[in-house]
Protein backbone atom coordinates (compact mmCIF):
# COMPACT_ATOMS: atom_id res chain seq x y z
CA UNK A 1 55.01 128.42 20.72
CA UNK A 2 56.94 131.24 22.23
CA UNK A 3 60.67 130.98 22.71
CA UNK A 4 59.87 130.66 26.41
CA UNK A 5 57.11 128.31 26.18
CA UNK A 6 56.52 125.66 28.97
CA UNK A 7 53.42 123.42 28.68
CA UNK A 8 52.03 121.13 31.20
CA UNK A 9 49.18 118.73 32.12
CA UNK A 10 48.37 115.71 34.23
CA UNK A 11 45.72 112.95 33.70
CA UNK A 12 44.05 110.57 35.93
CA UNK A 13 44.84 112.64 38.99
CA UNK A 14 41.87 113.06 41.36
CA UNK A 15 39.04 114.80 39.62
CA UNK A 16 41.04 115.15 36.29
CA UNK A 17 40.77 112.24 34.00
CA UNK A 18 41.69 113.67 30.71
CA UNK A 19 43.06 117.07 29.87
CA UNK A 20 45.03 118.63 26.82
CA UNK A 21 48.57 119.78 27.49
CA UNK A 22 48.36 123.56 28.23
CA UNK A 23 51.05 126.17 27.68
CA UNK A 24 51.24 128.35 30.51
CA UNK A 25 50.71 132.11 29.79
CA UNK A 26 51.89 134.90 32.10
CA UNK A 27 48.73 134.81 34.01
CA UNK A 28 46.63 131.59 34.18
CA UNK A 29 43.35 131.66 36.08
CA UNK A 30 41.62 128.41 37.27
CA UNK A 31 37.84 128.76 37.94
CA UNK A 32 35.11 126.20 38.61
CA UNK A 33 33.02 124.80 41.29
CA UNK A 34 34.45 123.07 44.38
CA UNK A 35 36.03 119.72 43.87
CA UNK A 36 36.31 119.78 40.09
CA UNK A 37 40.23 119.53 39.77
CA UNK A 38 41.41 123.24 40.11
CA UNK A 39 43.50 122.42 43.21
CA UNK A 40 44.65 119.15 41.92
CA UNK A 41 46.02 120.77 38.79
CA UNK A 42 47.81 123.53 40.55
CA UNK A 43 49.13 121.46 43.46
CA UNK A 44 50.30 118.76 41.20
CA UNK A 45 53.29 121.19 40.18
CA UNK A 46 54.05 121.47 43.86
CA UNK A 47 53.78 117.67 44.35
CA UNK A 48 56.41 117.04 41.71
CA UNK A 49 58.66 119.74 43.10
CA UNK A 50 58.41 118.16 46.65
CA UNK A 51 59.13 114.71 45.14
CA UNK A 52 62.26 116.11 43.42
CA UNK A 53 63.53 117.42 46.56
CA UNK A 54 62.84 114.44 48.71
CA UNK A 55 64.99 111.34 49.20
CA UNK A 56 62.25 108.83 49.28
CA UNK A 57 63.46 106.96 46.13
CA UNK A 58 60.02 107.04 44.59
CA UNK A 59 59.26 109.36 41.81
CA UNK A 60 56.17 110.81 43.31
CA UNK A 61 56.04 111.69 47.09
CA UNK A 62 52.30 111.86 47.73
CA UNK A 63 52.51 113.04 51.36
CA UNK A 64 55.08 115.50 52.62
CA UNK A 65 54.72 115.24 56.31
CA UNK A 66 52.96 117.53 58.82
CA UNK A 67 54.73 120.77 57.86
CA UNK A 68 53.64 120.44 54.28
CA UNK A 69 50.12 121.31 53.78
CA UNK A 70 49.73 119.57 50.37
CA UNK A 71 48.57 115.97 50.97
CA UNK A 72 47.53 113.54 48.21
CA UNK A 73 47.28 110.51 50.46
CA UNK A 74 48.78 107.81 48.24
CA UNK A 75 48.54 106.57 44.68
CA UNK A 76 45.18 104.87 45.09
CA UNK A 77 43.50 107.89 46.69
CA UNK A 78 45.07 110.05 44.00
CA UNK A 79 43.89 107.97 41.00
CA UNK A 80 40.87 109.18 39.17
CA UNK A 81 37.99 106.60 39.92
CA UNK A 82 36.95 106.86 36.12
CA UNK A 83 40.57 106.04 34.77
CA UNK A 84 40.62 103.61 32.09
CA UNK A 85 44.08 102.39 33.11
CA UNK A 86 45.85 102.32 36.63
CA UNK A 87 48.42 104.92 35.83
CA UNK A 88 48.65 108.68 36.49
CA UNK A 89 50.30 110.63 33.59
CA UNK A 90 52.36 113.84 33.79
CA UNK A 91 53.05 115.56 30.43
CA UNK A 92 55.56 118.41 29.92
CA UNK A 93 56.67 120.35 26.83
CA UNK A 94 59.30 123.23 26.46
CA UNK A 95 59.98 124.94 23.13
CA UNK A 96 63.79 125.32 23.49
CA UNK A 97 66.72 124.32 25.71
CA UNK A 98 67.64 127.77 27.02
CA UNK A 99 71.40 127.07 27.86
CA UNK A 100 74.42 124.96 27.25
CA UNK A 101 74.76 122.18 29.46
CA UNK A 102 77.96 121.19 31.17
CA UNK A 103 76.96 118.35 33.38
CA UNK A 104 79.84 116.68 35.04
CA UNK A 105 78.31 113.43 33.76
CA UNK A 106 79.49 114.33 30.37
CA UNK A 107 82.39 116.66 31.01
CA UNK A 108 85.11 114.03 30.55
CA UNK A 109 84.36 114.08 26.66
CA UNK A 110 85.52 117.50 25.45
CA UNK A 111 84.81 116.95 21.85
CA UNK A 112 81.32 115.81 22.48
CA UNK A 113 80.81 118.61 24.98
CA UNK A 114 81.88 121.35 22.52
CA UNK A 115 80.04 120.01 19.45
CA UNK A 116 76.98 118.80 20.98
CA UNK A 117 76.31 121.74 23.27
CA UNK A 118 76.24 123.96 20.23
CA UNK A 119 73.90 121.54 18.41
CA UNK A 120 71.27 121.29 21.17
CA UNK A 121 70.43 124.94 20.83
CA UNK A 122 68.67 123.97 17.58
CA UNK A 123 66.48 121.41 19.25
CA UNK A 124 62.73 122.31 19.36
CA UNK A 125 59.33 120.97 20.45
CA UNK A 126 60.81 119.21 23.46
CA UNK A 127 58.33 116.80 24.97
CA UNK A 128 58.20 114.37 28.03
CA UNK A 129 55.59 112.23 29.36
CA UNK A 130 55.90 109.97 32.31
CA UNK A 131 53.44 107.51 33.72
CA UNK A 132 53.55 106.12 37.27
CA UNK A 133 51.94 103.05 38.53
CA UNK A 134 51.32 101.40 42.02
CA UNK A 135 53.42 98.33 42.20
CA UNK A 136 52.73 96.28 45.38
CA UNK A 137 52.01 99.36 47.37
CA UNK A 138 54.89 101.42 46.02
CA UNK A 139 54.75 104.15 43.35
CA UNK A 140 57.01 103.38 40.45
CA UNK A 141 57.68 104.75 37.01
CA UNK A 142 55.73 102.69 34.28
CA UNK A 143 56.46 104.15 31.10
CA UNK A 144 58.03 107.38 29.78
CA UNK A 145 57.91 109.10 26.23
CA UNK A 146 60.31 111.77 24.95
CA UNK A 147 60.40 113.42 21.88
CA UNK A 148 62.12 116.42 20.19
CA UNK A 149 63.02 117.85 16.66
CA UNK A 150 66.56 118.37 15.63
CA UNK A 151 68.27 119.11 12.32
CA UNK A 152 64.84 118.61 10.56
CA UNK A 153 64.44 115.15 12.07
CA UNK A 154 61.85 113.89 14.42
CA UNK A 155 63.06 111.81 17.29
CA UNK A 156 60.95 109.64 19.69
CA UNK A 157 62.06 107.57 22.63
CA UNK A 158 59.71 105.15 24.39
CA UNK A 159 60.96 103.76 27.69
CA UNK A 160 59.12 100.75 29.01
CA UNK A 161 59.51 99.93 32.69
CA UNK A 162 56.93 96.98 32.73
CA UNK A 163 58.17 93.59 33.86
CA UNK A 164 61.78 94.88 34.50
CA UNK A 165 63.12 94.16 37.83
CA UNK A 166 65.42 96.27 39.83
CA UNK A 167 68.89 95.43 39.18
CA UNK A 168 71.31 95.21 42.44
CA UNK A 169 74.87 96.31 42.57
CA UNK A 170 75.94 92.57 42.65
CA UNK A 171 74.75 92.31 38.91
CA UNK A 172 76.95 95.23 37.64
CA UNK A 173 80.44 95.16 36.81
CA UNK A 174 80.80 98.91 37.57
CA UNK A 175 80.45 100.37 40.94
CA UNK A 176 76.84 101.64 41.49
CA UNK A 177 76.27 100.92 45.01
CA UNK A 178 74.68 104.25 45.67
CA UNK A 179 72.10 103.86 42.89
CA UNK A 180 68.65 102.29 42.73
CA UNK A 181 68.73 101.41 39.02
CA UNK A 182 66.43 99.56 36.67
CA UNK A 183 66.93 98.13 33.44
CA UNK A 184 64.27 99.25 30.94
CA UNK A 185 63.22 98.45 27.50
CA UNK A 186 63.93 101.36 25.12
CA UNK A 187 62.63 102.12 21.66
CA UNK A 188 64.29 104.96 19.57
CA UNK A 189 62.50 106.03 16.36
CA UNK A 190 63.86 108.70 13.92
CA UNK A 191 61.06 109.86 11.41
CA UNK A 192 59.15 106.74 12.59
CA UNK A 193 62.15 104.25 11.74
CA UNK A 194 63.56 102.13 14.60
CA UNK A 195 67.32 102.71 14.81
CA UNK A 196 68.03 100.08 17.60
CA UNK A 197 67.68 97.39 15.18
CA UNK A 198 71.46 98.14 14.09
CA UNK A 199 72.55 97.09 17.53
CA UNK A 200 70.76 93.85 18.31
CA UNK A 201 74.18 91.89 18.12
CA UNK A 202 75.83 94.10 20.48
CA UNK A 203 73.61 93.23 23.38
CA UNK A 204 73.11 96.88 24.12
CA UNK A 205 70.86 97.70 27.03
CA UNK A 206 69.54 100.87 29.02
CA UNK A 207 69.30 101.66 32.58
CA UNK A 208 67.43 104.43 34.14
CA UNK A 209 69.84 105.95 36.64
CA UNK A 210 67.27 108.48 38.03
CA UNK A 211 65.10 107.99 41.32
CA UNK A 212 63.08 111.06 40.29
CA UNK A 213 60.01 111.29 38.03
CA UNK A 214 62.27 112.37 34.95
CA UNK A 215 64.30 109.60 33.42
CA UNK A 216 68.04 109.69 32.86
CA UNK A 217 69.39 106.81 30.66
CA UNK A 218 72.74 105.24 30.86
CA UNK A 219 73.82 102.58 28.28
CA UNK A 220 75.02 99.29 29.29
CA UNK A 221 76.38 95.96 27.78
CA UNK A 222 74.84 92.50 28.58
CA UNK A 223 77.88 90.31 29.06
CA UNK A 224 76.72 86.69 30.07
CA UNK A 225 73.96 88.04 32.14
CA UNK A 226 75.90 90.78 33.90
CA UNK A 227 75.45 94.33 32.94
CA UNK A 228 78.46 96.56 32.24
CA UNK A 229 77.40 100.18 32.61
CA UNK A 230 79.17 102.62 30.30
CA UNK A 231 80.13 105.79 31.57
CA UNK A 232 77.84 107.89 29.25
CA UNK A 233 76.36 107.88 25.80
CA UNK A 234 79.67 109.37 24.20
CA UNK A 235 81.54 106.32 25.55
CA UNK A 236 78.75 104.00 24.17
CA UNK A 237 79.13 105.77 20.59
CA UNK A 238 82.91 105.29 20.84
CA UNK A 239 82.29 101.65 21.69
CA UNK A 240 79.87 101.08 18.76
CA UNK A 241 82.16 103.09 16.35
CA UNK A 242 85.36 101.22 17.21
CA UNK A 243 83.53 97.83 16.60
CA UNK A 244 81.66 98.85 13.64
CA UNK A 245 85.01 100.16 11.97
CA UNK A 246 87.06 97.27 13.36
CA UNK A 247 84.79 94.76 11.35
CA UNK A 248 85.95 96.60 8.26
CA UNK A 249 89.51 95.85 9.08
CA UNK A 250 89.81 93.02 6.50
CA UNK A 251 89.23 95.55 3.92
CA UNK A 252 91.13 98.64 5.21
CA UNK A 253 93.91 96.90 7.10
CA UNK A 254 94.17 99.64 9.83
CA UNK A 255 95.71 98.95 13.19
CA UNK A 256 94.05 99.91 16.58
CA UNK A 257 95.68 103.28 16.83
CA UNK A 258 94.70 104.33 13.28
CA UNK A 259 91.18 103.18 13.90
CA UNK A 260 90.98 105.32 17.16
CA UNK A 261 91.82 108.25 14.89
CA UNK A 262 88.90 107.46 12.64
CA UNK A 263 86.73 106.88 15.56
CA UNK A 264 87.47 110.39 17.02
CA UNK A 265 86.98 111.93 13.71
CA UNK A 266 83.62 110.49 13.07
CA UNK A 267 82.55 111.07 16.77
CA UNK A 268 83.22 114.76 16.10
CA UNK A 269 81.03 114.79 13.05
CA UNK A 270 78.13 112.89 14.78
CA UNK A 271 78.36 115.07 17.81
CA UNK A 272 77.90 118.26 15.84
CA UNK A 273 75.28 116.79 13.39
CA UNK A 274 77.86 117.01 10.44
CA UNK A 275 77.99 113.49 9.54
CA UNK A 276 77.22 113.72 5.75
CA UNK A 277 78.88 113.13 2.48
CA UNK A 278 80.54 116.38 2.04
CA UNK A 279 82.22 116.22 5.41
CA UNK A 280 83.40 112.66 4.79
CA UNK A 281 84.87 113.44 1.49
CA UNK A 282 86.83 116.34 3.10
CA UNK A 283 88.20 113.80 5.60
CA UNK A 284 89.04 111.66 2.66
CA UNK A 285 91.17 114.52 1.05
CA UNK A 286 92.88 115.26 4.28
CA UNK A 287 93.80 111.76 5.22
CA UNK A 288 97.35 110.35 4.28
CA UNK A 289 97.05 106.67 4.87
CA UNK A 290 95.61 104.86 1.95
CA UNK A 291 93.19 102.71 4.02
CA UNK A 292 91.71 105.84 5.53
CA UNK A 293 91.07 107.29 2.27
CA UNK A 294 89.39 104.12 0.90
CA UNK A 295 87.23 104.03 4.12
CA UNK A 296 86.06 107.66 4.01
CA UNK A 297 85.40 107.25 0.36
CA UNK A 298 83.24 104.09 0.74
CA UNK A 299 81.57 105.54 4.00
CA UNK A 300 80.56 108.63 2.05
CA UNK A 301 78.07 106.45 0.02
CA UNK A 302 74.95 107.56 1.82
CA UNK A 303 73.05 104.37 0.54
CA UNK A 304 75.45 101.87 2.15
CA UNK A 305 74.64 99.94 5.26
CA UNK A 306 77.76 101.32 6.93
CA UNK A 307 76.64 105.03 6.39
CA UNK A 308 73.18 104.12 7.72
CA UNK A 309 74.49 102.14 10.81
CA UNK A 310 76.94 105.01 11.98
CA UNK A 311 73.97 107.60 11.28
CA UNK A 312 72.02 105.28 13.72
CA UNK A 313 74.82 105.71 16.22
CA UNK A 314 74.68 109.47 15.75
CA UNK A 315 71.05 109.43 16.66
CA UNK A 316 71.34 107.03 19.43
CA UNK A 317 73.87 109.45 21.06
CA UNK A 318 71.65 112.30 20.50
CA UNK A 319 68.60 110.57 21.85
CA UNK A 320 70.30 109.23 24.89
CA UNK A 321 71.62 112.56 25.91
CA UNK A 322 68.71 114.65 25.03
CA UNK A 323 66.18 112.63 27.20
CA UNK A 324 68.35 113.59 30.17
CA UNK A 325 68.72 117.09 29.20
CA UNK A 326 64.82 117.43 28.78
CA UNK A 327 64.26 115.88 32.25
CA UNK A 328 66.88 118.30 33.68
CA UNK A 329 65.53 121.33 32.01
CA UNK A 330 61.95 120.52 33.01
CA UNK A 331 63.15 119.72 36.60
CA UNK A 332 64.76 123.04 36.67
CA UNK A 333 61.46 124.74 36.08
CA UNK A 334 59.62 122.57 38.48
CA UNK A 335 62.19 123.21 41.06
CA UNK A 336 61.77 127.06 40.79
CA UNK A 337 58.14 126.81 41.46
CA UNK A 338 56.83 129.13 44.35
CA UNK A 339 53.48 128.42 46.20
CA UNK A 340 51.42 130.32 48.46
CA UNK A 341 48.29 128.44 49.98
CA UNK A 342 44.81 129.31 50.72
CA UNK A 343 45.23 129.21 54.46
CA UNK A 344 47.89 131.85 55.65
CA UNK A 345 49.33 131.82 59.13
CA UNK A 346 47.87 134.49 61.52
CA UNK A 347 50.18 137.29 62.26
CA UNK A 348 51.87 137.85 65.58
CA UNK A 349 52.64 140.93 67.33
CA UNK A 350 56.35 140.03 67.95
CA UNK A 351 58.47 137.55 66.20
CA UNK A 352 61.59 136.30 67.83
CA UNK A 353 64.76 137.42 66.09
CA UNK A 354 66.53 134.70 64.28
CA UNK A 355 70.07 134.87 63.04
CA UNK A 356 68.98 133.34 59.63
CA UNK A 357 68.38 135.02 56.52
CA UNK A 358 65.84 133.94 54.30
CA UNK A 359 65.16 134.77 50.63
CA UNK A 360 61.77 132.82 50.11
CA UNK A 361 58.42 132.90 51.51
CA UNK A 362 56.84 129.88 53.13
CA UNK A 363 53.55 128.63 51.48
CA UNK A 364 51.52 129.79 54.56
CA UNK A 365 53.48 133.13 55.02
CA UNK A 366 54.53 132.08 58.42
CA UNK A 367 58.01 133.46 57.91
CA UNK A 368 56.85 136.90 56.54
CA UNK A 369 58.60 138.88 59.25
CA UNK A 370 61.86 137.23 58.95
CA UNK A 371 61.61 137.57 55.19
CA UNK A 372 60.92 141.30 55.39
CA UNK A 373 63.85 141.64 58.00
CA UNK A 374 66.23 139.97 55.63
CA UNK A 375 65.48 142.36 52.78
CA UNK A 376 68.07 145.23 52.21
CA UNK A 377 66.86 148.71 53.12
CA UNK A 378 66.46 149.59 49.67
CA UNK A 379 64.44 146.47 48.65
CA UNK A 380 62.26 146.90 51.78
CA UNK A 381 61.33 150.40 50.65
CA UNK A 382 60.67 149.31 47.13
CA UNK A 383 58.16 146.59 48.59
CA UNK A 384 56.53 149.14 50.68
CA UNK A 385 56.25 151.56 47.68
CA UNK A 386 54.63 148.67 45.88
CA UNK A 387 52.02 148.07 48.47
CA UNK A 388 51.34 151.79 48.89
CA UNK A 389 50.63 152.25 45.20
CA UNK A 390 48.15 149.49 45.05
CA UNK A 391 46.43 149.84 48.40
CA UNK A 392 47.48 153.11 50.12
CA UNK A 393 49.53 151.97 53.15
CA UNK A 394 53.09 151.35 53.80
CA UNK A 395 54.83 148.44 55.26
CA UNK A 396 57.73 148.65 57.72
CA UNK A 397 59.24 146.48 60.31
CA UNK A 398 60.38 147.50 63.81
CA UNK A 399 63.38 145.68 65.35
CA UNK A 400 64.56 145.27 69.00
CA UNK A 401 67.25 143.18 70.43
CA UNK A 402 64.99 140.22 70.79
CA UNK A 403 62.06 140.64 68.28
CA UNK A 404 60.81 142.02 65.06
CA UNK A 405 57.37 143.51 64.35
CA UNK A 406 55.37 144.12 61.10
CA UNK A 407 54.24 147.84 61.04
CA UNK A 408 51.46 149.20 58.84
CA UNK A 409 51.63 152.97 58.16
CA UNK A 410 48.37 154.54 56.91
CA UNK A 411 48.44 158.38 56.48
CA UNK A 412 51.23 158.82 59.01
CA UNK A 413 49.26 156.57 61.41
CA UNK A 414 51.52 153.57 62.62
CA UNK A 415 50.07 150.35 64.00
CA UNK A 416 51.23 146.82 64.57
CA UNK A 417 49.78 144.49 61.82
CA UNK A 418 47.87 142.68 64.62
CA UNK A 419 45.85 145.70 65.13
CA UNK A 420 44.70 146.17 61.64
CA UNK A 421 42.05 144.13 59.96
CA UNK A 422 42.52 140.46 59.41
CA UNK A 423 42.23 140.97 55.62
CA UNK A 424 45.56 143.03 55.50
CA UNK A 425 47.28 140.44 57.37
CA UNK A 426 46.12 137.69 55.11
CA UNK A 427 46.99 139.69 51.90
CA UNK A 428 50.59 140.62 52.84
CA UNK A 429 52.08 137.05 52.05
CA UNK A 430 50.34 137.21 48.66
CA UNK A 431 51.64 140.66 48.01
CA UNK A 432 55.27 139.85 49.07
CA UNK A 433 55.16 136.72 46.86
CA UNK A 434 54.10 138.93 43.84
CA UNK A 435 56.64 141.59 44.39
CA UNK A 436 59.49 138.99 44.75
CA UNK A 437 58.28 137.13 41.68
CA UNK A 438 58.32 140.57 39.88
CA UNK A 439 61.95 141.21 40.58
CA UNK A 440 64.51 140.22 37.82
CA UNK A 441 65.77 136.74 38.34
CA UNK A 442 69.32 137.98 38.83
CA UNK A 443 68.01 140.19 41.57
CA UNK A 444 66.37 137.46 43.52
CA UNK A 445 68.54 136.46 46.26
CA UNK A 446 69.21 132.60 46.04
CA UNK A 447 67.19 132.14 42.82
CA UNK A 448 68.54 130.07 40.06
CA UNK A 449 69.50 131.74 36.72
CA UNK A 450 69.88 128.68 34.67
CA UNK A 451 66.23 128.76 33.19
CA UNK A 452 63.91 131.34 32.32
CA UNK A 453 60.61 130.21 33.78
CA UNK A 454 59.18 130.34 37.35
CA UNK A 455 55.58 129.03 38.05
CA UNK A 456 54.12 130.82 40.68
CA UNK A 457 51.05 129.03 42.54
CA UNK A 458 48.56 131.05 44.21
CA UNK A 459 45.51 129.75 45.78
CA UNK A 460 42.37 131.66 46.59
CA UNK A 461 44.11 134.98 47.10
CA UNK A 462 40.79 136.75 47.57
CA UNK A 463 40.02 135.13 51.04
CA UNK A 464 39.03 137.47 53.61
CA UNK A 465 39.10 140.54 51.31
CA UNK A 466 36.64 143.13 50.24
CA UNK A 467 35.77 142.83 46.54
CA UNK A 468 37.49 146.09 45.91
CA UNK A 469 40.74 144.71 47.40
CA UNK A 470 40.08 141.62 45.37
CA UNK A 471 40.11 143.49 42.16
CA UNK A 472 43.26 145.29 43.14
CA UNK A 473 45.09 142.16 43.39
CA UNK A 474 44.93 141.80 39.62
CA UNK A 475 46.90 145.10 39.25
CA UNK A 476 49.38 143.57 41.55
CA UNK A 477 49.71 140.42 39.37
CA UNK A 478 50.21 142.56 36.25
CA UNK A 479 52.65 145.07 37.64
CA UNK A 480 55.12 141.89 38.15
CA UNK A 481 55.56 141.94 34.58
CA UNK A 482 56.45 145.53 34.20
CA UNK A 483 60.26 146.09 33.08
CA UNK A 484 62.49 143.40 31.78
CA UNK A 485 60.98 140.56 33.77
CA UNK A 486 58.89 138.17 32.01
CA UNK A 487 59.85 134.68 33.27
CA UNK A 488 57.12 134.35 35.77
CA UNK A 489 54.01 132.17 35.17
CA UNK A 490 51.27 132.93 37.58
CA UNK A 491 48.74 129.93 38.13
CA UNK A 492 45.73 131.49 40.19
CA UNK A 493 42.92 129.42 41.65
CA UNK A 494 40.03 131.71 42.59
CA UNK A 495 36.37 132.16 43.06
CA UNK A 496 36.43 135.97 42.71
CA UNK A 497 34.44 137.48 39.96
CA UNK A 498 35.79 140.94 40.92
CA UNK A 499 39.27 139.66 40.41
CA UNK A 500 38.38 138.22 36.96
CA UNK A 501 36.53 141.37 35.86
CA UNK A 502 39.45 143.33 36.96
CA UNK A 503 41.92 141.45 34.60
CA UNK A 504 39.51 142.31 31.89
CA UNK A 505 39.75 146.08 32.53
CA UNK A 506 43.59 145.83 32.55
CA UNK A 507 43.54 144.24 29.03
CA UNK A 508 41.30 147.26 27.95
CA UNK A 509 43.78 149.71 29.54
CA UNK A 510 46.58 147.93 27.74
CA UNK A 511 48.30 146.93 30.94
CA UNK A 512 48.50 143.43 29.75
CA UNK A 513 48.11 141.86 26.31
CA UNK A 514 45.14 139.47 25.79
CA UNK A 515 47.56 136.72 24.44
CA UNK A 516 49.34 136.71 27.97
CA UNK A 517 46.35 135.81 30.17
CA UNK A 518 43.88 132.84 29.90
CA UNK A 519 41.27 131.57 32.01
CA UNK A 520 40.98 127.58 32.52
CA UNK A 521 37.41 126.78 33.14
CA UNK A 522 36.96 123.44 35.14
CA UNK A 523 33.22 122.05 34.91
CA UNK A 524 32.25 118.59 35.90
CA UNK A 525 29.44 118.11 33.36
CA UNK A 526 28.58 118.67 29.70
CA UNK A 527 26.04 120.90 28.24
CA UNK A 528 23.22 118.57 29.09
CA UNK A 529 24.42 118.14 32.71
CA UNK A 530 25.78 114.70 32.14
CA UNK A 531 28.73 114.15 34.86
CA UNK A 532 29.76 110.54 33.86
CA UNK A 533 32.65 111.78 31.41
CA UNK A 534 34.57 113.43 34.29
CA UNK A 535 35.76 117.05 34.53
CA UNK A 536 35.80 119.12 31.28
CA UNK A 537 38.57 121.77 30.95
CA UNK A 538 38.11 124.58 28.52
CA UNK A 539 40.14 127.81 27.84
CA UNK A 540 38.55 131.28 27.82
CA UNK A 541 40.44 134.29 26.87
CA UNK A 542 39.97 138.04 26.82
CA UNK A 543 39.58 140.03 23.56
CA UNK A 544 41.08 143.51 23.12
CA UNK A 545 37.93 145.01 24.49
CA UNK A 546 38.17 142.98 27.64
CA UNK A 547 35.25 140.78 26.68
CA UNK A 548 35.48 137.17 27.55
CA UNK A 549 35.76 134.64 24.48
CA UNK A 550 34.51 131.02 24.97
CA UNK A 551 33.05 131.77 28.36
CA UNK A 552 30.21 129.49 29.82
CA UNK A 553 26.93 131.44 29.76
CA UNK A 554 25.80 132.34 33.44
CA UNK A 555 29.03 130.76 34.91
CA UNK A 556 28.80 132.64 38.26
CA UNK A 557 25.10 132.37 38.47
CA UNK A 558 24.58 128.57 37.73
CA UNK A 559 22.82 126.41 40.12
CA UNK A 560 25.02 123.95 42.10
């Protein structure tokens, strides 16, 4: 997997029953007949983004209101009719955490932050799967699975929301009046070995404090039926370490303050993944009190129960924090998603001037004039040059005190965009989105710089275009990757044979590598025509000669 890998799939959503998780390439083309799941797959990313930005309290917001063209109805209308279980599954995978996290949630613990933030850069194969289910007419999280590899160990966290009631603030010792939180059953396995069995006597519990699709766990203690929520997993680790070491007091005769010193030393080791025999022996040599020397000496026996329990605390700490980091990283990718829909707004001759700057383009392109007006003169000229290179005309704006107009210049002939062909007006929002996506992330006004991937969703860009123009759109998509920018992942739904063939030509010309483009073929039947198994999704690719590999014979000519 590439160092900037992001993979995704959804199961049991509309026409899609089962599909394998797919790593998004630079260009991902979705083809197939109508109503076979192409739009459902593409729009599901936007669905999650909308849900993250809403305040509905539900993990998925199926309907976004009149202003949002993407309407999934509700859970029951979105659930695949052939689903073997009444859950919809979202799966995500990223290859690496690309930055050091400094969330305020953990900022109080300097030792943990400084050590663990270095350690997580080595984590790989990060995976998150979340199931949602309808419960009494409300969509709720039903199950979550997270996994990753760190320091040669495989970690898996299972979160079970079944039969767990919502916990009200009156059941909590800590102030959580602003949270809708749920206690969950949690299972943590390291190399297939359950580590939570070490903590059964501590009455340790877990709470999902996130209202979004992505879980974020907080540890808690069950004290006579009331949950005392700990500040974070570092505090949980300190608590477990202190009680574990205190039980050895009869043997080591240490007072509370000296135990605190040992706790902090060990917390430093487990935060940095350095809890091992050699480091413990170094602490033994450096310690002055006799009991500390004896304690570190006994602890350095890797076969002892005490060593194994503190190792379990280490991985409980890592697991609890990492599941939040994985969700945060995936959420950043989803939140950066950009979408341009198949139905673009009709252009107008004049747009009223608004004293608002806009750095993004609406899914229907309705704010195109305002976006162009907000660009600097330099960027507007660069955009115009981009369009001219591909299609032979320039794009300018004309301002008056009260309005803005979009002007098309073709061979020194200027005209309002309304007076050009309808196809040009429909193509401009797509070209604007492609050009904006091709800018370096640091140059995009208002764009986040925290992650390295931006999914760009484009639905039926070929509408109202001559086949020659459809083909030239392929050149525009490929040009977005020229230079230093490689963070964009285009997901393009299309029925255009001309567009697809042009991508093959660009592979032959060396404009794009064969490994950077893939075609997802959605088909509602197997080779014998049986449709009972649901939609089948296969992947076709171009070879270096521009020929399609694993391409269905007669795809564009088959009978409906």
